[in-house]
Amino acid sequence: MRDSNLPEPELLKTVLQPLLEDFQYWFARARHLLETEQLSFLDAQEQLALLERVKEAQEQVKAAKMLFHVTQGQAGIDMAAIKPWHQLLSEYWQLAMQFRGEQANYPKQDNI
């Protein structure tokens, strides 16, 4: 549990900095999957559109992190900005689970 007695800038650093790092990590994973795999349950246009949304979110998170750093933790982020990132990651997680489920059902064939 977080210490509610922390000064506001310290609280922001304690909560927001790791959150932004998590977003960066998960968006990088989503981007990698979308760039390296063809998801059979999405057509090419849907996958490309999702990839573009992930790239845009990555840029937004990068900008938020830079602003947070430049202001030395004095700037927060409105929940209205964070909510679409979370929704996009939820969408990615569902697709990733579906992809892994397909991979488990169709093991790779050895080239014999």
N, C-alpha and C. Protein backbone atom coordinates (compact mmCIF):
# COMPACT_ATOMS: atom_id res chain seq x y z
N MET A 1 0.84 -1.18 0.00
CA MET A 1 0.00 0.00 0.00
C MET A 1 0.88 1.23 0.00
N ARG A 2 0.49 2.22 -0.76
CA ARG A 2 1.26 3.45 -0.86
C ARG A 2 1.08 4.32 0.38
N ASP A 3 2.10 5.11 0.70
CA ASP A 3 2.05 6.02 1.83
C ASP A 3 1.32 7.28 1.41
N SER A 4 0.12 7.50 1.93
CA SER A 4 -0.67 8.68 1.55
C SER A 4 -0.10 9.96 2.15
N ASN A 5 0.91 9.84 3.01
CA ASN A 5 1.54 11.02 3.59
C ASN A 5 2.69 11.56 2.75
N LEU A 6 2.98 10.89 1.63
CA LEU A 6 4.05 11.39 0.76
C LEU A 6 3.64 12.72 0.15
N PRO A 7 4.61 13.64 -0.03
CA PRO A 7 4.29 14.87 -0.74
C PRO A 7 3.82 14.51 -2.15
N GLU A 8 2.99 15.35 -2.74
CA GLU A 8 2.40 15.05 -4.04
C GLU A 8 3.43 14.70 -5.12
N PRO A 9 4.54 15.45 -5.26
CA PRO A 9 5.52 15.06 -6.29
C PRO A 9 6.09 13.66 -6.06
N GLU A 10 6.34 13.31 -4.82
CA GLU A 10 6.87 11.97 -4.52
C GLU A 10 5.83 10.90 -4.79
N LEU A 11 4.58 11.20 -4.49
CA LEU A 11 3.51 10.26 -4.78
C LEU A 11 3.39 10.04 -6.28
N LEU A 12 3.48 11.12 -7.06
CA LEU A 12 3.45 11.01 -8.51
C LEU A 12 4.60 10.14 -9.01
N LYS A 13 5.79 10.37 -8.48
CA LYS A 13 6.94 9.56 -8.89
C LYS A 13 6.75 8.10 -8.52
N THR A 14 6.18 7.86 -7.36
CA THR A 14 5.99 6.49 -6.88
C THR A 14 4.96 5.74 -7.71
N VAL A 15 3.92 6.43 -8.17
CA VAL A 15 2.82 5.78 -8.88
C VAL A 15 2.95 5.93 -10.40
N LEU A 16 3.16 7.15 -10.85
CA LEU A 16 3.09 7.43 -12.28
C LEU A 16 4.30 6.90 -13.05
N GLN A 17 5.48 7.05 -12.52
CA GLN A 17 6.67 6.61 -13.22
C GLN A 17 6.63 5.11 -13.55
N PRO A 18 6.33 4.23 -12.58
CA PRO A 18 6.24 2.80 -12.93
C PRO A 18 5.08 2.50 -13.87
N LEU A 19 3.99 3.24 -13.75
CA LEU A 19 2.85 3.04 -14.65
C LEU A 19 3.25 3.34 -16.09
N LEU A 20 3.95 4.43 -16.30
CA LEU A 20 4.39 4.78 -17.65
C LEU A 20 5.37 3.75 -18.19
N GLU A 21 6.24 3.24 -17.34
CA GLU A 21 7.18 2.19 -17.76
C GLU A 21 6.43 0.92 -18.14
N ASP A 22 5.39 0.59 -17.39
CA ASP A 22 4.57 -0.58 -17.73
C ASP A 22 3.90 -0.40 -19.09
N PHE A 23 3.35 0.78 -19.32
CA PHE A 23 2.73 1.04 -20.62
C PHE A 23 3.75 0.88 -21.74
N GLN A 24 4.95 1.42 -21.55
CA GLN A 24 5.99 1.28 -22.58
C GLN A 24 6.30 -0.19 -22.84
N TYR A 25 6.45 -0.96 -21.80
CA TYR A 25 6.77 -2.38 -21.93
C TYR A 25 5.68 -3.12 -22.71
N TRP A 26 4.43 -2.94 -22.30
CA TRP A 26 3.35 -3.69 -22.93
C TRP A 26 3.08 -3.23 -24.35
N PHE A 27 3.22 -1.95 -24.62
CA PHE A 27 3.04 -1.49 -26.00
C PHE A 27 4.16 -2.02 -26.90
N ALA A 28 5.36 -2.14 -26.36
CA ALA A 28 6.47 -2.73 -27.14
C ALA A 28 6.17 -4.18 -27.46
N ARG A 29 5.63 -4.92 -26.50
CA ARG A 29 5.26 -6.32 -26.75
C ARG A 29 4.15 -6.42 -27.79
N ALA A 30 3.17 -5.54 -27.67
CA ALA A 30 2.06 -5.55 -28.64
C ALA A 30 2.58 -5.24 -30.04
N ARG A 31 3.44 -4.25 -30.12
CA ARG A 31 4.00 -3.88 -31.42
C ARG A 31 4.79 -5.04 -32.03
N HIS A 32 5.59 -5.70 -31.20
CA HIS A 32 6.39 -6.82 -31.70
C HIS A 32 5.48 -7.92 -32.25
N LEU A 33 4.45 -8.27 -31.51
CA LEU A 33 3.53 -9.32 -31.98
C LEU A 33 2.89 -8.92 -33.30
N LEU A 34 2.41 -7.69 -33.38
CA LEU A 34 1.69 -7.24 -34.57
C LEU A 34 2.61 -7.08 -35.78
N GLU A 35 3.88 -6.82 -35.54
CA GLU A 35 4.83 -6.66 -36.64
C GLU A 35 5.43 -7.99 -37.10
N THR A 36 5.43 -8.99 -36.24
CA THR A 36 6.14 -10.23 -36.58
C THR A 36 5.23 -11.42 -36.85
N GLU A 37 3.96 -11.33 -36.50
CA GLU A 37 3.04 -12.45 -36.67
C GLU A 37 1.83 -12.02 -37.47
N GLN A 38 1.30 -12.94 -38.24
CA GLN A 38 0.01 -12.71 -38.90
C GLN A 38 -1.04 -13.39 -38.03
N LEU A 39 -1.94 -12.59 -37.48
CA LEU A 39 -2.98 -13.12 -36.62
C LEU A 39 -4.13 -13.59 -37.52
N SER A 40 -4.38 -14.89 -37.50
CA SER A 40 -5.36 -15.48 -38.42
C SER A 40 -6.78 -14.98 -38.20
N PHE A 41 -7.06 -14.48 -37.02
CA PHE A 41 -8.41 -14.03 -36.68
C PHE A 41 -8.62 -12.55 -36.97
N LEU A 42 -7.59 -11.88 -37.51
CA LEU A 42 -7.70 -10.50 -37.96
C LEU A 42 -7.33 -10.45 -39.44
N ASP A 43 -8.04 -9.63 -40.20
CA ASP A 43 -7.57 -9.47 -41.58
C ASP A 43 -6.42 -8.47 -41.55
N ALA A 44 -5.71 -8.38 -42.65
CA ALA A 44 -4.49 -7.55 -42.72
C ALA A 44 -4.78 -6.10 -42.36
N GLN A 45 -5.90 -5.57 -42.81
CA GLN A 45 -6.24 -4.17 -42.52
C GLN A 45 -6.52 -3.95 -41.04
N GLU A 46 -7.19 -4.89 -40.41
CA GLU A 46 -7.47 -4.78 -38.97
C GLU A 46 -6.17 -4.83 -38.17
N GLN A 47 -5.28 -5.72 -38.56
CA GLN A 47 -4.01 -5.84 -37.85
C GLN A 47 -3.17 -4.58 -38.04
N LEU A 48 -3.16 -4.05 -39.25
CA LEU A 48 -2.40 -2.82 -39.51
C LEU A 48 -2.99 -1.65 -38.72
N ALA A 49 -4.32 -1.56 -38.67
CA ALA A 49 -4.96 -0.48 -37.92
C ALA A 49 -4.62 -0.58 -36.43
N LEU A 50 -4.63 -1.80 -35.90
CA LEU A 50 -4.27 -2.00 -34.50
C LEU A 50 -2.81 -1.63 -34.26
N LEU A 51 -1.94 -2.02 -35.18
CA LEU A 51 -0.52 -1.67 -35.07
C LEU A 51 -0.35 -0.15 -35.05
N GLU A 52 -1.06 0.55 -35.90
CA GLU A 52 -0.96 2.02 -35.94
C GLU A 52 -1.44 2.63 -34.63
N ARG A 53 -2.49 2.08 -34.05
CA ARG A 53 -2.98 2.57 -32.76
C ARG A 53 -1.94 2.34 -31.67
N VAL A 54 -1.27 1.19 -31.71
CA VAL A 54 -0.22 0.90 -30.73
C VAL A 54 0.94 1.87 -30.90
N LYS A 55 1.35 2.12 -32.14
CA LYS A 55 2.45 3.06 -32.39
C LYS A 55 2.09 4.46 -31.88
N GLU A 56 0.86 4.88 -32.12
CA GLU A 56 0.42 6.20 -31.65
C GLU A 56 0.44 6.26 -30.12
N ALA A 57 -0.04 5.20 -29.49
CA ALA A 57 -0.03 5.17 -28.02
C ALA A 57 1.40 5.18 -27.49
N GLN A 58 2.31 4.47 -28.16
CA GLN A 58 3.72 4.49 -27.74
C GLN A 58 4.26 5.92 -27.77
N GLU A 59 3.94 6.65 -28.81
CA GLU A 59 4.41 8.04 -28.91
C GLU A 59 3.80 8.91 -27.81
N GLN A 60 2.54 8.68 -27.50
CA GLN A 60 1.89 9.44 -26.44
C GLN A 60 2.53 9.15 -25.09
N VAL A 61 2.81 7.89 -24.82
CA VAL A 61 3.45 7.52 -23.55
C VAL A 61 4.85 8.11 -23.49
N LYS A 62 5.55 8.04 -24.61
CA LYS A 62 6.91 8.62 -24.65
C LYS A 62 6.86 10.11 -24.34
N ALA A 63 5.92 10.81 -24.92
CA ALA A 63 5.78 12.25 -24.66
C ALA A 63 5.42 12.51 -23.20
N ALA A 64 4.53 11.71 -22.65
CA ALA A 64 4.15 11.87 -21.24
C ALA A 64 5.35 11.63 -20.33
N LYS A 65 6.14 10.61 -20.66
CA LYS A 65 7.34 10.32 -19.84
C LYS A 65 8.34 11.47 -19.92
N MET A 66 8.52 12.02 -21.12
CA MET A 66 9.45 13.14 -21.26
C MET A 66 8.96 14.35 -20.47
N LEU A 67 7.66 14.64 -20.54
CA LEU A 67 7.10 15.76 -19.78
C LEU A 67 7.27 15.53 -18.28
N PHE A 68 7.00 14.32 -17.85
CA PHE A 68 7.16 13.98 -16.45
C PHE A 68 8.61 14.17 -16.01
N HIS A 69 9.55 13.74 -16.85
CA HIS A 69 10.97 13.88 -16.54
C HIS A 69 11.40 15.35 -16.54
N VAL A 70 11.01 16.08 -17.56
CA VAL A 70 11.41 17.49 -17.69
C VAL A 70 10.90 18.32 -16.53
N THR A 71 9.69 17.99 -16.06
CA THR A 71 9.12 18.75 -14.93
C THR A 71 9.54 18.18 -13.58
N GLN A 72 10.45 17.21 -13.61
CA GLN A 72 10.95 16.56 -12.40
C GLN A 72 9.82 16.01 -11.54
N GLY A 73 8.87 15.37 -12.23
CA GLY A 73 7.78 14.73 -11.52
C GLY A 73 6.69 15.66 -11.04
N GLN A 74 6.68 16.89 -11.53
CA GLN A 74 5.68 17.85 -11.08
C GLN A 74 4.41 17.80 -11.92
N ALA A 75 4.45 17.11 -13.07
CA ALA A 75 3.29 17.04 -13.96
C ALA A 75 2.68 15.66 -13.89
N GLY A 76 1.38 15.64 -13.75
CA GLY A 76 0.66 14.37 -13.75
C GLY A 76 0.06 14.14 -15.13
N ILE A 77 -0.74 13.10 -15.23
CA ILE A 77 -1.42 12.79 -16.48
C ILE A 77 -2.89 12.60 -16.16
N ASP A 78 -3.72 13.23 -16.94
CA ASP A 78 -5.16 13.12 -16.78
C ASP A 78 -5.61 11.69 -17.05
N MET A 79 -6.53 11.20 -16.26
CA MET A 79 -7.05 9.85 -16.46
C MET A 79 -7.69 9.69 -17.83
N ALA A 80 -8.17 10.77 -18.41
CA ALA A 80 -8.76 10.71 -19.75
C ALA A 80 -7.71 10.31 -20.78
N ALA A 81 -6.45 10.59 -20.51
CA ALA A 81 -5.37 10.17 -21.42
C ALA A 81 -4.97 8.72 -21.17
N ILE A 82 -5.02 8.30 -19.93
CA ILE A 82 -4.58 6.95 -19.57
C ILE A 82 -5.63 5.89 -19.94
N LYS A 83 -6.89 6.24 -19.84
CA LYS A 83 -7.95 5.27 -20.08
C LYS A 83 -7.87 4.62 -21.46
N PRO A 84 -7.66 5.37 -22.57
CA PRO A 84 -7.54 4.71 -23.87
C PRO A 84 -6.32 3.79 -23.97
N TRP A 85 -5.24 4.12 -23.27
CA TRP A 85 -4.06 3.26 -23.28
C TRP A 85 -4.41 1.93 -22.62
N HIS A 86 -5.10 2.01 -21.51
CA HIS A 86 -5.49 0.80 -20.80
C HIS A 86 -6.44 -0.04 -21.66
N GLN A 87 -7.38 0.60 -22.33
CA GLN A 87 -8.31 -0.12 -23.19
C GLN A 87 -7.57 -0.80 -24.34
N LEU A 88 -6.59 -0.12 -24.91
CA LEU A 88 -5.81 -0.68 -26.00
C LEU A 88 -5.01 -1.90 -25.51
N LEU A 89 -4.43 -1.79 -24.33
CA LEU A 89 -3.69 -2.93 -23.79
C LEU A 89 -4.62 -4.10 -23.48
N SER A 90 -5.81 -3.82 -22.99
CA SER A 90 -6.78 -4.89 -22.75
C SER A 90 -7.12 -5.60 -24.06
N GLU A 91 -7.28 -4.82 -25.11
CA GLU A 91 -7.53 -5.41 -26.44
C GLU A 91 -6.35 -6.28 -26.87
N TYR A 92 -5.13 -5.78 -26.67
CA TYR A 92 -3.94 -6.56 -27.02
C TYR A 92 -3.88 -7.85 -26.22
N TRP A 93 -4.12 -7.77 -24.91
CA TRP A 93 -4.04 -8.97 -24.08
C TRP A 93 -5.02 -10.04 -24.54
N GLN A 94 -6.21 -9.62 -24.93
CA GLN A 94 -7.20 -10.59 -25.43
C GLN A 94 -6.70 -11.23 -26.73
N LEU A 95 -6.16 -10.42 -27.63
CA LEU A 95 -5.64 -10.95 -28.89
C LEU A 95 -4.45 -11.87 -28.64
N ALA A 96 -3.58 -11.49 -27.72
CA ALA A 96 -2.40 -12.31 -27.43
C ALA A 96 -2.82 -13.66 -26.85
N MET A 97 -3.83 -13.66 -25.99
CA MET A 97 -4.32 -14.94 -25.44
C MET A 97 -4.91 -15.80 -26.55
N GLN A 98 -5.65 -15.18 -27.44
CA GLN A 98 -6.24 -15.92 -28.56
C GLN A 98 -5.14 -16.48 -29.46
N PHE A 99 -4.12 -15.69 -29.73
CA PHE A 99 -3.00 -16.12 -30.55
C PHE A 99 -2.28 -17.29 -29.90
N ARG A 100 -1.98 -17.18 -28.60
CA ARG A 100 -1.31 -18.27 -27.90
C ARG A 100 -2.16 -19.53 -27.88
N GLY A 101 -3.47 -19.36 -27.75
CA GLY A 101 -4.36 -20.51 -27.80
C GLY A 101 -4.30 -21.21 -29.14
N GLU A 102 -4.25 -20.45 -30.21
CA GLU A 102 -4.11 -21.04 -31.54
C GLU A 102 -2.78 -21.75 -31.70
N GLN A 103 -1.73 -21.13 -31.19
CA GLN A 103 -0.40 -21.73 -31.29
C GLN A 103 -0.35 -23.06 -30.53
N ALA A 104 -1.04 -23.14 -29.42
CA ALA A 104 -1.05 -24.37 -28.63
C ALA A 104 -1.81 -25.47 -29.36
N ASN A 105 -2.83 -25.09 -30.12
CA ASN A 105 -3.63 -26.07 -30.85
C ASN A 105 -2.96 -26.55 -32.13
N TYR A 106 -2.05 -25.75 -32.65
CA TYR A 106 -1.37 -26.10 -33.90
C TYR A 106 0.13 -26.03 -33.72
N PRO A 107 0.73 -27.03 -33.11
CA PRO A 107 2.18 -26.99 -32.89
C PRO A 107 2.92 -26.94 -34.21
N LYS A 108 4.07 -26.31 -34.17
CA LYS A 108 4.90 -26.22 -35.39
C LYS A 108 5.38 -27.59 -35.81
N GLN A 109 5.40 -27.80 -37.10
CA GLN A 109 5.87 -29.06 -37.67
C GLN A 109 7.38 -29.01 -37.82
N ASP A 110 8.04 -30.10 -37.50
CA ASP A 110 9.48 -30.20 -37.73
C ASP A 110 9.72 -30.44 -39.22
N ASN A 111 10.74 -29.84 -39.74
CA ASN A 111 11.12 -30.09 -41.15
C ASN A 111 11.94 -31.36 -41.21
N ILE A 112 11.26 -32.45 -41.49
CA ILE A 112 11.93 -33.76 -41.55
C ILE A 112 12.06 -34.17 -42.98
